Amino acid sequence: MGSPAGKYQIVADQGATFSRVLTWKDSTNTAVNLTGYTARMHIRNEYESTSFVLALTTENGRIALGGSAGTVTLTIDATTMTNLFADTYVYDLELVSGGGVVTRLVMGTFTVRREVTR
C-alpha cells in the first residue's frame, strides 16, 4: 500500500454520463477492503491550478466504494459532463482510511471529448 500512484489516462465524452470502476489490489493481487474509507478526486486545468474544475468525493456521491470488493466507482452525470469544456485536464484520486492514512491511488490526464449531438 506504500507504492507510488498508478498513472491512468481517462477519456470521457461531453454530454454523456461518465462511469468508471477501478479496483484497488495489493501486491498479492488481493482486493483491498475499503470499508471505513472515504475518497476524493479533483479535476484541475493544470497541476498548479489553485481551484478545481470538478470534485468527485464519497460525500457528494460521485465516488462509491465497494467495501471488501476493493472497487472505486467514479460517476459524473450527463448534465455536469455537458458543462465541462472539451479539453485535457489533470486529476488524482486519493483514498483516506478510517485512521486518516491518505493513499494516492491513481493520477493522470482527464480528457473530455467534444459533444456533436446536443
N, C-alpha and C. Protein backbone atom coordinates (compact mmCIF):
# COMPACT_ATOMS: atom_id res chain seq x y z
N MET A 1 0.81 -1.20 0.00
CA MET A 1 0.00 0.00 0.00
C MET A 1 0.85 1.26 0.00
N GLY A 2 2.16 1.12 0.06
CA GLY A 2 3.02 2.28 0.04
C GLY A 2 3.58 2.55 -1.34
N SER A 3 3.03 1.97 -2.36
CA SER A 3 3.53 2.13 -3.72
C SER A 3 3.15 3.49 -4.28
N PRO A 4 3.94 3.99 -5.25
CA PRO A 4 3.55 5.24 -5.90
C PRO A 4 2.24 5.07 -6.67
N ALA A 5 1.57 6.19 -6.88
CA ALA A 5 0.29 6.17 -7.60
C ALA A 5 0.48 5.64 -9.01
N GLY A 6 -0.51 4.89 -9.47
CA GLY A 6 -0.52 4.44 -10.85
C GLY A 6 -0.87 5.59 -11.77
N LYS A 7 -0.47 5.50 -13.00
CA LYS A 7 -0.79 6.53 -13.98
C LYS A 7 -1.88 5.98 -14.89
N TYR A 8 -2.97 6.74 -15.05
CA TYR A 8 -4.12 6.26 -15.80
C TYR A 8 -4.75 7.42 -16.54
N GLN A 9 -4.83 7.31 -17.85
CA GLN A 9 -5.47 8.34 -18.67
C GLN A 9 -6.96 8.04 -18.78
N ILE A 10 -7.77 9.04 -18.45
CA ILE A 10 -9.22 8.90 -18.55
C ILE A 10 -9.69 9.72 -19.74
N VAL A 11 -10.58 9.14 -20.55
CA VAL A 11 -11.22 9.84 -21.65
C VAL A 11 -12.72 9.75 -21.42
N ALA A 12 -13.38 10.91 -21.42
CA ALA A 12 -14.83 10.97 -21.19
C ALA A 12 -15.47 11.81 -22.28
N ASP A 13 -16.74 11.55 -22.51
CA ASP A 13 -17.47 12.27 -23.56
C ASP A 13 -18.35 13.36 -22.98
N GLN A 14 -18.18 14.56 -23.49
CA GLN A 14 -19.01 15.69 -23.10
C GLN A 14 -20.47 15.34 -23.38
N GLY A 15 -21.35 15.62 -22.43
CA GLY A 15 -22.78 15.40 -22.62
C GLY A 15 -23.27 14.00 -22.30
N ALA A 16 -22.38 13.07 -22.03
CA ALA A 16 -22.76 11.68 -21.71
C ALA A 16 -22.41 11.37 -20.26
N THR A 17 -23.19 10.52 -19.65
CA THR A 17 -22.87 10.08 -18.29
C THR A 17 -21.53 9.35 -18.30
N PHE A 18 -20.66 9.72 -17.37
CA PHE A 18 -19.37 9.08 -17.24
C PHE A 18 -19.40 8.14 -16.05
N SER A 19 -18.93 6.92 -16.24
CA SER A 19 -18.82 5.97 -15.14
C SER A 19 -17.60 5.09 -15.38
N ARG A 20 -16.80 4.92 -14.33
CA ARG A 20 -15.62 4.08 -14.43
C ARG A 20 -15.45 3.35 -13.11
N VAL A 21 -15.15 2.07 -13.17
CA VAL A 21 -14.92 1.27 -11.97
C VAL A 21 -13.46 0.86 -11.94
N LEU A 22 -12.79 1.18 -10.84
CA LEU A 22 -11.41 0.79 -10.61
C LEU A 22 -11.39 -0.18 -9.42
N THR A 23 -10.45 -1.09 -9.39
CA THR A 23 -10.31 -2.00 -8.26
C THR A 23 -8.91 -1.85 -7.69
N TRP A 24 -8.83 -1.57 -6.40
CA TRP A 24 -7.54 -1.44 -5.72
C TRP A 24 -7.13 -2.81 -5.20
N LYS A 25 -5.98 -3.29 -5.68
CA LYS A 25 -5.45 -4.58 -5.25
C LYS A 25 -4.07 -4.38 -4.65
N ASP A 26 -3.74 -5.22 -3.68
CA ASP A 26 -2.43 -5.14 -3.04
C ASP A 26 -1.39 -5.90 -3.87
N SER A 27 -0.19 -6.02 -3.34
CA SER A 27 0.91 -6.65 -4.08
C SER A 27 0.70 -8.14 -4.34
N THR A 28 -0.26 -8.76 -3.63
CA THR A 28 -0.57 -10.18 -3.87
C THR A 28 -1.79 -10.34 -4.77
N ASN A 29 -2.23 -9.22 -5.38
CA ASN A 29 -3.37 -9.20 -6.30
C ASN A 29 -4.70 -9.47 -5.57
N THR A 30 -4.74 -9.14 -4.28
CA THR A 30 -5.96 -9.28 -3.48
C THR A 30 -6.60 -7.92 -3.33
N ALA A 31 -7.93 -7.85 -3.49
CA ALA A 31 -8.64 -6.58 -3.35
C ALA A 31 -8.45 -6.02 -1.94
N VAL A 32 -8.18 -4.72 -1.87
CA VAL A 32 -8.04 -4.04 -0.58
C VAL A 32 -9.44 -3.72 -0.06
N ASN A 33 -9.70 -4.07 1.19
CA ASN A 33 -11.01 -3.82 1.80
C ASN A 33 -11.13 -2.32 2.08
N LEU A 34 -12.10 -1.67 1.44
CA LEU A 34 -12.27 -0.23 1.55
C LEU A 34 -13.33 0.17 2.58
N THR A 35 -13.76 -0.77 3.39
CA THR A 35 -14.72 -0.46 4.45
C THR A 35 -14.10 0.58 5.38
N GLY A 36 -14.82 1.65 5.65
CA GLY A 36 -14.33 2.71 6.52
C GLY A 36 -13.53 3.78 5.81
N TYR A 37 -13.29 3.62 4.52
CA TYR A 37 -12.54 4.61 3.74
C TYR A 37 -13.47 5.69 3.18
N THR A 38 -12.89 6.82 2.84
CA THR A 38 -13.54 7.84 2.02
C THR A 38 -12.62 8.07 0.83
N ALA A 39 -13.12 8.77 -0.18
CA ALA A 39 -12.31 9.02 -1.37
C ALA A 39 -12.58 10.42 -1.89
N ARG A 40 -11.57 10.95 -2.58
CA ARG A 40 -11.70 12.29 -3.16
C ARG A 40 -10.87 12.36 -4.44
N MET A 41 -11.38 13.12 -5.38
CA MET A 41 -10.69 13.30 -6.66
C MET A 41 -10.98 14.71 -7.15
N HIS A 42 -9.94 15.43 -7.53
CA HIS A 42 -10.10 16.76 -8.13
C HIS A 42 -9.64 16.71 -9.57
N ILE A 43 -10.40 17.37 -10.42
CA ILE A 43 -10.02 17.57 -11.81
C ILE A 43 -9.66 19.05 -11.93
N ARG A 44 -8.45 19.33 -12.40
CA ARG A 44 -7.96 20.71 -12.49
C ARG A 44 -7.44 21.00 -13.89
N ASN A 45 -7.36 22.28 -14.23
CA ASN A 45 -6.81 22.68 -15.53
C ASN A 45 -5.35 22.27 -15.66
N GLU A 46 -4.59 22.44 -14.60
CA GLU A 46 -3.18 22.05 -14.57
C GLU A 46 -2.79 21.82 -13.13
N TYR A 47 -1.65 21.18 -12.92
CA TYR A 47 -1.23 20.82 -11.56
C TYR A 47 -1.15 22.03 -10.63
N GLU A 48 -0.73 23.17 -11.15
CA GLU A 48 -0.54 24.37 -10.33
C GLU A 48 -1.83 25.14 -10.07
N SER A 49 -2.94 24.76 -10.69
CA SER A 49 -4.21 25.47 -10.52
C SER A 49 -4.61 25.49 -9.05
N THR A 50 -5.05 26.66 -8.58
CA THR A 50 -5.48 26.78 -7.19
C THR A 50 -6.94 26.37 -7.00
N SER A 51 -7.69 26.34 -8.06
CA SER A 51 -9.09 25.89 -7.97
C SER A 51 -9.29 24.67 -8.86
N PHE A 52 -10.32 23.92 -8.55
CA PHE A 52 -10.60 22.73 -9.34
C PHE A 52 -11.78 22.97 -10.28
N VAL A 53 -11.80 22.21 -11.37
CA VAL A 53 -12.88 22.27 -12.34
C VAL A 53 -14.06 21.45 -11.83
N LEU A 54 -13.76 20.30 -11.21
CA LEU A 54 -14.79 19.40 -10.71
C LEU A 54 -14.22 18.56 -9.58
N ALA A 55 -15.04 18.34 -8.55
CA ALA A 55 -14.65 17.47 -7.43
C ALA A 55 -15.56 16.25 -7.41
N LEU A 56 -14.95 15.11 -7.24
CA LEU A 56 -15.68 13.86 -7.01
C LEU A 56 -15.28 13.39 -5.62
N THR A 57 -16.26 13.09 -4.78
CA THR A 57 -15.98 12.62 -3.43
C THR A 57 -17.03 11.59 -3.03
N THR A 58 -16.73 10.84 -1.99
CA THR A 58 -17.75 9.94 -1.44
C THR A 58 -18.86 10.77 -0.82
N GLU A 59 -18.52 11.95 -0.30
CA GLU A 59 -19.53 12.81 0.33
C GLU A 59 -20.51 13.39 -0.69
N ASN A 60 -20.07 13.73 -1.89
CA ASN A 60 -21.00 14.30 -2.87
C ASN A 60 -21.62 13.24 -3.79
N GLY A 61 -21.34 11.97 -3.52
CA GLY A 61 -21.97 10.88 -4.26
C GLY A 61 -21.36 10.56 -5.61
N ARG A 62 -20.30 11.24 -5.99
CA ARG A 62 -19.68 10.96 -7.28
C ARG A 62 -18.65 9.83 -7.21
N ILE A 63 -18.34 9.39 -5.98
CA ILE A 63 -17.48 8.23 -5.79
C ILE A 63 -18.20 7.28 -4.84
N ALA A 64 -18.29 6.01 -5.24
CA ALA A 64 -18.85 4.96 -4.38
C ALA A 64 -17.78 3.91 -4.16
N LEU A 65 -17.61 3.50 -2.91
CA LEU A 65 -16.61 2.48 -2.58
C LEU A 65 -17.30 1.15 -2.34
N GLY A 66 -16.67 0.07 -2.82
CA GLY A 66 -17.27 -1.26 -2.78
C GLY A 66 -16.81 -2.15 -1.65
N GLY A 67 -16.40 -1.58 -0.51
CA GLY A 67 -16.05 -2.38 0.65
C GLY A 67 -15.00 -3.43 0.37
N SER A 68 -15.30 -4.69 0.72
CA SER A 68 -14.32 -5.77 0.59
C SER A 68 -13.98 -6.10 -0.86
N ALA A 69 -14.80 -5.67 -1.82
CA ALA A 69 -14.50 -5.91 -3.23
C ALA A 69 -13.38 -5.00 -3.73
N GLY A 70 -13.06 -3.95 -2.98
CA GLY A 70 -11.98 -3.05 -3.35
C GLY A 70 -12.28 -2.14 -4.51
N THR A 71 -13.55 -2.01 -4.87
CA THR A 71 -13.90 -1.21 -6.04
C THR A 71 -14.12 0.26 -5.68
N VAL A 72 -13.77 1.10 -6.64
CA VAL A 72 -13.97 2.54 -6.56
C VAL A 72 -14.73 2.91 -7.83
N THR A 73 -15.98 3.36 -7.68
CA THR A 73 -16.79 3.71 -8.84
C THR A 73 -16.89 5.22 -8.94
N LEU A 74 -16.42 5.76 -10.07
CA LEU A 74 -16.48 7.19 -10.35
C LEU A 74 -17.67 7.45 -11.26
N THR A 75 -18.50 8.43 -10.93
CA THR A 75 -19.67 8.74 -11.75
C THR A 75 -19.85 10.25 -11.87
N ILE A 76 -20.06 10.71 -13.11
CA ILE A 76 -20.38 12.11 -13.37
C ILE A 76 -21.62 12.11 -14.26
N ASP A 77 -22.67 12.78 -13.82
CA ASP A 77 -23.93 12.78 -14.59
C ASP A 77 -23.77 13.56 -15.90
N ALA A 78 -24.68 13.28 -16.83
CA ALA A 78 -24.61 13.85 -18.18
C ALA A 78 -24.68 15.38 -18.17
N THR A 79 -25.49 15.97 -17.29
CA THR A 79 -25.61 17.43 -17.23
C THR A 79 -24.28 18.06 -16.84
N THR A 80 -23.63 17.49 -15.83
CA THR A 80 -22.33 18.00 -15.41
C THR A 80 -21.31 17.84 -16.53
N MET A 81 -21.33 16.69 -17.21
CA MET A 81 -20.40 16.47 -18.32
C MET A 81 -20.67 17.45 -19.47
N THR A 82 -21.93 17.83 -19.68
CA THR A 82 -22.26 18.81 -20.72
C THR A 82 -21.60 20.14 -20.41
N ASN A 83 -21.52 20.48 -19.13
CA ASN A 83 -20.99 21.78 -18.72
C ASN A 83 -19.47 21.82 -18.64
N LEU A 84 -18.80 20.68 -18.82
CA LEU A 84 -17.34 20.68 -18.87
C LEU A 84 -16.87 21.01 -20.28
N PHE A 85 -15.93 21.92 -20.39
CA PHE A 85 -15.38 22.24 -21.69
C PHE A 85 -14.56 21.06 -22.21
N ALA A 86 -14.63 20.84 -23.51
CA ALA A 86 -13.80 19.80 -24.13
C ALA A 86 -12.35 20.26 -24.02
N ASP A 87 -11.56 19.51 -23.28
CA ASP A 87 -10.17 19.88 -23.03
C ASP A 87 -9.48 18.71 -22.34
N THR A 88 -8.20 18.85 -22.10
CA THR A 88 -7.47 17.85 -21.32
C THR A 88 -7.07 18.48 -20.00
N TYR A 89 -7.48 17.83 -18.92
CA TYR A 89 -7.25 18.29 -17.56
C TYR A 89 -6.31 17.30 -16.87
N VAL A 90 -5.98 17.57 -15.61
CA VAL A 90 -5.22 16.64 -14.78
C VAL A 90 -6.08 16.28 -13.58
N TYR A 91 -5.79 15.12 -12.98
CA TYR A 91 -6.55 14.67 -11.81
C TYR A 91 -5.67 13.76 -10.97
N ASP A 92 -6.10 13.54 -9.75
CA ASP A 92 -5.62 12.41 -8.97
C ASP A 92 -6.74 11.94 -8.07
N LEU A 93 -6.65 10.69 -7.66
CA LEU A 93 -7.66 10.04 -6.83
C LEU A 93 -6.99 9.58 -5.55
N GLU A 94 -7.51 10.08 -4.42
CA GLU A 94 -6.97 9.72 -3.12
C GLU A 94 -8.00 8.96 -2.31
N LEU A 95 -7.52 7.94 -1.60
CA LEU A 95 -8.35 7.18 -0.67
C LEU A 95 -7.84 7.46 0.74
N VAL A 96 -8.78 7.67 1.67
CA VAL A 96 -8.43 8.01 3.04
C VAL A 96 -8.99 6.93 3.96
N SER A 97 -8.10 6.25 4.69
CA SER A 97 -8.54 5.20 5.60
C SER A 97 -9.24 5.82 6.80
N GLY A 98 -9.96 4.99 7.55
CA GLY A 98 -10.62 5.45 8.76
C GLY A 98 -9.64 6.04 9.76
N GLY A 99 -8.38 5.63 9.69
CA GLY A 99 -7.34 6.14 10.57
C GLY A 99 -6.65 7.38 10.05
N GLY A 100 -7.08 7.86 8.87
CA GLY A 100 -6.53 9.09 8.31
C GLY A 100 -5.34 8.93 7.39
N VAL A 101 -4.98 7.68 7.04
CA VAL A 101 -3.87 7.47 6.11
C VAL A 101 -4.36 7.74 4.69
N VAL A 102 -3.66 8.64 3.99
CA VAL A 102 -4.04 9.02 2.62
C VAL A 102 -3.17 8.27 1.63
N THR A 103 -3.82 7.61 0.67
CA THR A 103 -3.13 6.91 -0.41
C THR A 103 -3.58 7.50 -1.74
N ARG A 104 -2.63 7.99 -2.50
CA ARG A 104 -2.95 8.46 -3.85
C ARG A 104 -2.92 7.23 -4.74
N LEU A 105 -4.09 6.80 -5.18
CA LEU A 105 -4.22 5.54 -5.91
C LEU A 105 -3.80 5.69 -7.37
N VAL A 106 -4.38 6.66 -8.07
CA VAL A 106 -4.06 6.90 -9.48
C VAL A 106 -4.02 8.40 -9.75
N MET A 107 -3.35 8.74 -10.85
CA MET A 107 -3.28 10.13 -11.30
C MET A 107 -3.04 10.12 -12.80
N GLY A 108 -3.30 11.27 -13.43
CA GLY A 108 -3.05 11.35 -14.86
C GLY A 108 -3.85 12.45 -15.52
N THR A 109 -4.19 12.22 -16.77
CA THR A 109 -4.97 13.21 -17.50
C THR A 109 -6.43 12.77 -17.59
N PHE A 110 -7.31 13.76 -17.66
CA PHE A 110 -8.75 13.54 -17.81
C PHE A 110 -9.16 14.34 -19.04
N THR A 111 -9.37 13.65 -20.15
CA THR A 111 -9.69 14.31 -21.42
C THR A 111 -11.19 14.24 -21.67
N VAL A 112 -11.78 15.40 -21.95
CA VAL A 112 -13.20 15.48 -22.31
C VAL A 112 -13.27 15.71 -23.81
N ARG A 113 -13.91 14.74 -24.50
CA ARG A 113 -14.08 14.87 -25.96
C ARG A 113 -15.36 15.61 -26.25
N ARG A 114 -15.29 16.52 -27.19
CA ARG A 114 -16.40 17.41 -27.52
C ARG A 114 -17.62 16.66 -28.03
N GLU A 115 -18.78 17.08 -27.56
CA GLU A 115 -20.05 16.51 -27.98
C GLU A 115 -20.48 17.11 -29.32
N VAL A 116 -21.02 16.30 -30.21
CA VAL A 116 -21.52 16.77 -31.50
C VAL A 116 -23.04 16.91 -31.45
N THR A 117 -23.72 15.89 -30.94
CA THR A 117 -25.17 15.90 -30.86
C THR A 117 -25.58 16.58 -29.57
N ARG A 118 -26.28 17.73 -29.68
CA ARG A 118 -26.69 18.45 -28.49
C ARG A 118 -27.99 19.20 -28.74
